Amino acid sequence: MTTKAFDAIIIGAGQAGPPLAGRLTAAGMSVALIERKLVGGTCVNTGCMPTKTMVASAYAAHLARRAADYGVTLSGPVGVDYARIKARKDKVTIDARTNLETWIAGMDKCTLYRGHARFESANTVRVGDDLLTAEKIFLNTGGRASVPDLPGIHDIDYLTNSSMMDLDVLPRHLIVVGGSYISLEFAQMFRRFGSEVTVIEKSPRLTGREDEDVSAAILSILENEGITVHVGADDIAFARQGQDIAVTFSAGKPPAVGSHVLLALGRTPNTDDLGLERAGVEVDKRGFVSVDDQLRSSVPGIWAMGDCNGRGAFT
């Protein structure tokens, strides 16, 4: 067991961690940057960049189908090669991650640790066999898809926003459970790729955080593109039906039966296995680190940035 002292420790190399490391090292500070999985976090690997790359492909297909509206004639039907769409997305992601890793490697006084970080105390973090100490510790651990314990959920193979990025086949019928921005982005995207799509939302309208006229406009757009939408789903449950999955959503109504199910039911912060209790860091009932307007936690010298503090998950 070795102990190493730094001026600052950053747990998580997502959207906030590497830029902060760059600023701190430029100011002459020594920094330990810890990442347990993929440098770049959600945005680079499973969120913003890969999904927007696929959205661009979906929009190209959508625009091609409307070519005649712009006075453009196509010589044949519009085809979608999902394997090439995924390959393009993968290249964008890998290139972005590689460039970020190269940038980090070139930072003077920044040491990148690969592994899971856990607090030993308010100023000490363990990563594998290493103990790291610093007077300043920054949390940038991000979040993951929430998976509520709905009836039958453990009897099916479901997808999340992350596992959707690894999907190698175009779903015949994608059932999206959830009605927020993540679910609707995937719904429209895969409808434009050619999948049949059904959206199931427990609230009385889509995008419940938006004004009602915005929700109504979104619903109209999706339905006009051929997406089936069910709101007010008060009894969601899952069951295998041969090779398909049946999703019941309201008593007395027939289930939606599809080839794939995507769960988009909110986000859970990656704070449950950090040993925050050893450092005395307070979290709310959902596990988000409680911070003030300067991102300071309940413990002096510890800050929380990005999705793990629940202050908004948009970039």
Protein backbone atom coordinates (compact mmCIF):
# COMPACT_ATOMS: atom_id res chain seq x y z
CA MET A 1 0.00 0.00 0.00
CA THR A 2 1.46 3.34 -1.06
CA THR A 3 0.34 6.82 -0.04
CA LYS A 4 0.72 9.73 -2.43
CA ALA A 5 -0.09 13.37 -1.73
CA PHE A 6 -1.60 15.75 -4.29
CA ASP A 7 -2.89 19.29 -4.21
CA ALA A 8 -6.22 18.09 -5.63
CA ILE A 9 -8.03 14.85 -6.40
CA ILE A 10 -10.71 14.67 -9.09
CA ILE A 11 -12.91 11.57 -9.03
CA GLY A 12 -14.36 11.04 -12.48
CA ALA A 13 -13.07 12.08 -15.91
CA GLY A 14 -16.37 13.21 -17.38
CA GLN A 15 -17.25 16.63 -18.76
CA ALA A 16 -16.02 18.59 -15.74
CA GLY A 17 -13.04 16.55 -14.53
CA PRO A 18 -10.48 16.93 -17.35
CA PRO A 19 -11.08 20.68 -17.92
CA LEU A 20 -10.74 21.26 -14.19
CA ALA A 21 -7.54 19.21 -14.15
CA GLY A 22 -6.24 21.37 -16.97
CA ARG A 23 -6.98 24.58 -15.08
CA LEU A 24 -5.50 23.34 -11.81
CA THR A 25 -2.30 21.98 -13.35
CA ALA A 26 -1.89 25.19 -15.35
CA ALA A 27 -1.97 26.99 -12.00
CA GLY A 28 0.89 24.78 -10.80
CA MET A 29 -1.10 22.29 -8.74
CA SER A 30 -0.52 18.54 -8.70
CA VAL A 31 -3.67 16.61 -9.58
CA ALA A 32 -4.81 12.99 -9.36
CA LEU A 33 -7.56 12.32 -11.90
CA ILE A 34 -9.39 9.03 -11.27
CA GLU A 35 -11.57 7.20 -13.81
CA ARG A 36 -13.00 3.73 -13.29
CA LYS A 37 -14.37 3.20 -16.79
CA LEU A 38 -14.15 5.42 -19.88
CA VAL A 39 -12.53 8.84 -20.05
CA GLY A 40 -15.10 11.38 -21.20
CA GLY A 41 -17.94 9.96 -19.15
CA THR A 42 -21.53 9.87 -20.35
CA CYS A 43 -21.32 12.73 -22.83
CA VAL A 44 -18.46 11.33 -24.89
CA ASN A 45 -19.28 7.63 -24.64
CA THR A 46 -23.02 7.03 -24.24
CA GLY A 47 -24.73 10.42 -24.19
CA CYS A 48 -24.42 13.73 -26.00
CA MET A 49 -21.88 12.95 -28.71
CA PRO A 50 -22.91 9.44 -29.82
CA THR A 51 -26.63 10.14 -29.63
CA LYS A 52 -26.37 13.41 -31.56
CA THR A 53 -24.26 11.63 -34.15
CA MET A 54 -27.08 9.12 -34.58
CA VAL A 55 -29.69 11.90 -34.52
CA ALA A 56 -27.85 13.47 -37.46
CA SER A 57 -28.14 10.19 -39.39
CA ALA A 58 -31.82 9.95 -38.50
CA TYR A 59 -32.40 13.51 -39.66
CA ALA A 60 -30.65 12.77 -42.95
CA ALA A 61 -33.03 9.85 -43.53
CA HIS A 62 -36.01 12.00 -42.57
CA LEU A 63 -34.95 14.81 -44.90
CA ALA A 64 -34.30 12.39 -47.75
CA ARG A 65 -37.85 11.05 -47.44
CA ARG A 66 -39.09 14.63 -47.75
CA ALA A 67 -36.82 15.45 -50.69
CA ALA A 68 -39.79 16.08 -52.99
CA ASP A 69 -40.98 18.84 -50.65
CA TYR A 70 -37.79 20.68 -51.56
CA GLY A 71 -38.02 20.00 -55.28
CA VAL A 72 -35.45 17.21 -55.15
CA THR A 73 -36.06 13.88 -56.88
CA LEU A 74 -34.42 10.68 -55.66
CA SER A 75 -33.73 7.80 -58.03
CA GLY A 76 -34.97 5.16 -55.57
CA PRO A 77 -36.36 4.55 -52.09
CA VAL A 78 -34.49 5.83 -49.04
CA GLY A 79 -32.52 3.06 -47.36
CA VAL A 80 -31.03 2.92 -43.88
CA ASP A 81 -27.86 0.92 -43.21
CA TYR A 82 -27.91 0.67 -39.43
CA ALA A 83 -24.52 -1.05 -39.27
CA ARG A 84 -22.90 1.93 -40.99
CA ILE A 85 -24.79 4.35 -38.75
CA LYS A 86 -23.43 2.57 -35.68
CA ALA A 87 -19.92 2.39 -37.15
CA ARG A 88 -19.95 6.14 -37.77
CA LYS A 89 -21.16 6.75 -34.23
CA ASP A 90 -18.46 4.47 -32.81
CA LYS A 91 -15.72 6.29 -34.72
CA VAL A 92 -16.87 9.69 -33.47
CA THR A 93 -16.88 8.38 -29.90
CA ILE A 94 -13.50 6.65 -30.10
CA ASP A 95 -11.85 9.65 -31.75
CA ALA A 96 -13.22 12.01 -29.10
CA ARG A 97 -12.16 9.75 -26.24
CA THR A 98 -8.69 9.21 -27.71
CA ASN A 99 -8.16 12.94 -28.16
CA LEU A 100 -9.24 13.55 -24.57
CA GLU A 101 -6.88 10.87 -23.26
CA THR A 102 -4.03 12.39 -25.27
CA TRP A 103 -4.78 15.82 -23.82
CA ILE A 104 -4.79 14.46 -20.26
CA ALA A 105 -1.53 12.58 -20.84
CA GLY A 106 0.10 15.83 -21.89
CA MET A 107 -0.84 17.72 -18.73
CA ASP A 108 2.13 18.41 -16.50
CA LYS A 109 1.59 17.34 -12.88
CA CYS A 110 -1.58 15.36 -13.68
CA THR A 111 -1.63 11.63 -12.90
CA LEU A 112 -4.47 9.54 -14.34
CA TYR A 113 -5.52 6.59 -12.17
CA ARG A 114 -7.66 3.81 -13.62
CA GLY A 115 -9.86 2.24 -10.97
CA HIS A 116 -12.70 2.70 -8.52
CA ALA A 117 -12.24 5.45 -5.94
CA ARG A 118 -13.57 5.20 -2.40
CA PHE A 119 -13.17 7.63 0.47
CA GLU A 120 -11.20 6.54 3.50
CA SER A 121 -11.65 9.94 5.16
CA ALA A 122 -12.47 13.51 4.17
CA ASN A 123 -9.06 13.97 2.54
CA THR A 124 -8.02 10.42 1.66
CA VAL A 125 -9.17 8.28 -1.26
CA ARG A 126 -8.29 4.66 -2.03
CA VAL A 127 -7.82 3.46 -5.61
CA GLY A 128 -6.81 -0.18 -5.70
CA ASP A 129 -3.62 -0.45 -3.65
CA ASP A 130 -2.98 3.30 -3.66
CA LEU A 131 -3.99 5.80 -0.99
CA LEU A 132 -4.25 9.34 -2.33
CA THR A 133 -4.49 12.42 -0.14
CA ALA A 134 -5.41 16.02 -0.95
CA GLU A 135 -6.90 19.06 0.73
CA LYS A 136 -9.20 19.59 -2.25
CA ILE A 137 -11.36 16.78 -3.66
CA PHE A 138 -13.80 17.17 -6.56
CA LEU A 139 -16.53 14.67 -7.42
CA ASN A 140 -17.43 14.27 -11.09
CA THR A 141 -18.86 10.76 -10.96
CA GLY A 142 -21.91 11.30 -13.17
CA GLY A 143 -25.02 9.17 -13.23
CA ARG A 144 -26.67 6.15 -14.79
CA ALA A 145 -30.12 5.11 -15.95
CA SER A 146 -32.62 4.44 -13.18
CA VAL A 147 -34.22 0.99 -13.28
CA PRO A 148 -37.30 0.92 -11.03
CA ASP A 149 -38.43 -2.44 -9.68
CA LEU A 150 -41.45 -2.72 -11.97
CA PRO A 151 -43.37 -6.01 -12.25
CA GLY A 152 -41.64 -8.41 -14.62
CA ILE A 153 -38.64 -6.16 -15.23
CA HIS A 154 -36.19 -8.90 -14.24
CA ASP A 155 -37.85 -11.38 -16.61
CA ILE A 156 -36.95 -9.46 -19.76
CA ASP A 157 -33.89 -8.11 -21.52
CA TYR A 158 -34.29 -4.34 -21.42
CA LEU A 159 -32.17 -1.55 -22.82
CA THR A 160 -31.02 1.72 -21.28
CA ASN A 161 -29.61 4.81 -22.95
CA SER A 162 -26.13 3.30 -22.50
CA SER A 163 -26.83 -0.19 -23.85
CA MET A 164 -28.71 1.32 -26.81
CA MET A 165 -25.32 2.53 -28.01
CA ASP A 166 -24.15 -1.10 -28.31
CA LEU A 167 -27.22 -2.32 -30.18
CA ASP A 168 -26.15 -4.02 -33.41
CA VAL A 169 -29.56 -4.53 -34.99
CA LEU A 170 -32.37 -2.15 -35.85
CA PRO A 171 -35.36 -3.00 -33.62
CA ARG A 172 -38.46 -4.17 -35.43
CA HIS A 173 -40.66 -2.56 -32.78
CA LEU A 174 -39.09 -0.44 -30.05
CA ILE A 175 -41.19 0.21 -26.94
CA VAL A 176 -39.89 3.22 -25.03
CA VAL A 177 -40.96 3.46 -21.40
CA GLY A 178 -40.68 7.08 -20.29
CA GLY A 179 -41.70 10.41 -21.73
CA SER A 180 -38.80 12.79 -21.07
CA TYR A 181 -36.14 14.17 -23.38
CA ILE A 182 -33.97 11.03 -23.44
CA SER A 183 -36.82 8.69 -24.29
CA LEU A 184 -38.30 10.95 -26.96
CA GLU A 185 -34.94 11.51 -28.63
CA PHE A 186 -34.54 7.75 -29.04
CA ALA A 187 -38.17 7.33 -30.08
CA GLN A 188 -37.95 9.81 -32.93
CA MET A 189 -34.48 8.65 -33.93
CA PHE A 190 -35.42 5.00 -34.33
CA ARG A 191 -38.72 5.80 -36.00
CA ARG A 192 -36.75 7.70 -38.61
CA PHE A 193 -34.44 4.72 -38.98
CA GLY A 194 -37.52 2.63 -39.82
CA SER A 195 -38.52 0.95 -36.55
CA GLU A 196 -42.08 0.83 -35.32
CA VAL A 197 -42.06 2.83 -32.08
CA THR A 198 -44.40 3.02 -29.09
CA VAL A 199 -43.92 5.43 -26.18
CA ILE A 200 -45.45 4.70 -22.77
CA GLU A 201 -45.48 7.44 -20.12
CA LYS A 202 -47.07 7.27 -16.66
CA SER A 203 -47.70 11.02 -16.41
CA PRO A 204 -50.72 12.61 -18.11
CA ARG A 205 -48.47 14.27 -20.71
CA LEU A 206 -45.02 14.05 -22.23
CA THR A 207 -42.10 16.18 -20.98
CA GLY A 208 -43.86 17.06 -17.76
CA ARG A 209 -41.29 19.72 -16.83
CA GLU A 210 -42.20 21.77 -19.88
CA ASP A 211 -45.23 23.99 -20.41
CA GLU A 212 -48.38 22.23 -21.56
CA ASP A 213 -48.29 23.81 -25.02
CA VAL A 214 -44.75 22.49 -25.49
CA SER A 215 -45.87 18.98 -24.49
CA ALA A 216 -48.79 19.19 -26.92
CA ALA A 217 -46.52 20.30 -29.76
CA ILE A 218 -44.08 17.45 -29.10
CA LEU A 219 -46.92 14.92 -29.02
CA SER A 220 -48.24 16.21 -32.34
CA ILE A 221 -44.81 16.00 -33.99
CA LEU A 222 -44.21 12.44 -32.80
CA GLU A 223 -47.65 11.19 -33.79
CA ASN A 224 -47.33 12.80 -37.21
CA GLU A 225 -44.13 10.80 -37.70
CA GLY A 226 -46.00 7.57 -36.95
CA ILE A 227 -45.08 7.06 -33.29
CA THR A 228 -47.76 5.61 -31.01
CA VAL A 229 -47.94 7.40 -27.66
CA HIS A 230 -49.74 6.27 -24.50
CA VAL A 231 -49.82 8.67 -21.54
CA GLY A 232 -51.39 8.20 -18.12
CA ALA A 233 -49.98 4.67 -17.90
CA ASP A 234 -50.80 3.69 -14.33
CA ASP A 235 -50.01 -0.03 -14.35
CA ILE A 236 -46.75 -0.75 -16.19
CA ALA A 237 -45.58 -4.37 -16.21
CA PHE A 238 -43.48 -6.60 -18.46
CA ALA A 239 -43.72 -10.20 -19.64
CA ARG A 240 -42.11 -12.41 -22.25
CA GLN A 241 -44.36 -13.26 -25.17
CA GLY A 242 -42.51 -15.73 -27.35
CA GLN A 243 -39.54 -13.87 -28.82
CA ASP A 244 -41.19 -10.54 -28.05
CA ILE A 245 -41.90 -8.49 -24.93
CA ALA A 246 -45.39 -7.49 -23.83
CA VAL A 247 -45.76 -4.26 -21.89
CA THR A 248 -49.05 -3.68 -20.10
CA PHE A 249 -49.66 -0.08 -19.14
CA SER A 250 -53.32 0.47 -18.21
CA ALA A 251 -56.05 -1.84 -16.96
CA GLY A 252 -58.47 -2.85 -19.68
CA LYS A 253 -56.17 -1.91 -22.55
CA PRO A 254 -54.25 -4.43 -24.66
CA PRO A 255 -50.51 -4.55 -24.03
CA ALA A 256 -47.94 -3.14 -26.40
CA VAL A 257 -45.89 -5.98 -27.87
CA GLY A 258 -42.47 -5.24 -29.26
CA SER A 259 -39.08 -6.72 -30.06
CA HIS A 260 -37.10 -4.36 -27.78
CA VAL A 261 -37.81 -2.29 -24.67
CA LEU A 262 -35.93 0.87 -23.73
CA LEU A 263 -36.21 2.13 -20.15
CA ALA A 264 -35.78 5.90 -19.88
CA LEU A 265 -37.14 6.61 -16.41
CA GLY A 266 -34.73 9.11 -14.98
CA ARG A 267 -31.18 9.09 -13.72
CA THR A 268 -29.45 7.77 -10.60
CA PRO A 269 -26.21 9.40 -9.39
CA ASN A 270 -23.05 7.31 -9.17
CA THR A 271 -22.55 8.07 -5.49
CA ASP A 272 -23.67 4.85 -3.81
CA ASP A 273 -20.25 3.15 -3.77
CA LEU A 274 -17.89 6.03 -3.04
CA GLY A 275 -17.74 5.73 0.74
CA LEU A 276 -19.20 9.22 1.12
CA GLU A 277 -20.31 8.36 4.63
CA ARG A 278 -16.66 7.98 5.66
CA ALA A 279 -16.01 11.53 4.53
CA GLY A 280 -19.22 12.88 6.05
CA VAL A 281 -20.59 14.09 2.71
CA GLU A 282 -24.35 14.61 2.77
CA VAL A 283 -26.60 13.36 -0.03
CA ASP A 284 -30.32 13.83 -0.62
CA LYS A 285 -32.90 11.04 -0.59
CA ARG A 286 -32.09 10.13 -4.20
CA GLY A 287 -28.34 9.99 -3.60
CA PHE A 288 -27.37 13.30 -5.18
CA VAL A 289 -24.60 15.17 -3.37
CA SER A 290 -26.00 18.23 -1.63
CA VAL A 291 -24.15 21.35 -2.79
CA ASP A 292 -24.46 25.13 -2.58
CA ASP A 293 -24.28 27.60 -5.46
CA GLN A 294 -20.49 27.20 -5.57
CA LEU A 295 -20.78 23.39 -5.75
CA ARG A 296 -19.42 23.00 -2.22
CA SER A 297 -20.59 19.89 -0.37
CA SER A 298 -21.36 19.67 3.32
CA VAL A 299 -17.66 18.97 3.96
CA PRO A 300 -15.14 21.80 3.52
CA GLY A 301 -12.69 20.96 0.76
CA ILE A 302 -15.04 18.62 -1.14
CA TRP A 303 -17.01 19.78 -4.18
CA ALA A 304 -19.45 17.94 -6.48
CA MET A 305 -19.84 18.79 -10.16
CA GLY A 306 -22.05 17.61 -12.99
CA ASP A 307 -24.77 14.98 -12.87
CA CYS A 308 -23.86 13.66 -9.41
CA ASN A 309 -25.17 16.81 -7.71
CA GLY A 310 -28.63 16.78 -9.31
CA ARG A 311 -28.42 20.42 -10.37
CA GLY A 312 -29.29 19.63 -14.00
CA ALA A 313 -28.04 17.00 -16.42
CA PHE A 314 -27.85 19.06 -19.60
CA THR A 315 -24.72 20.13 -21.48
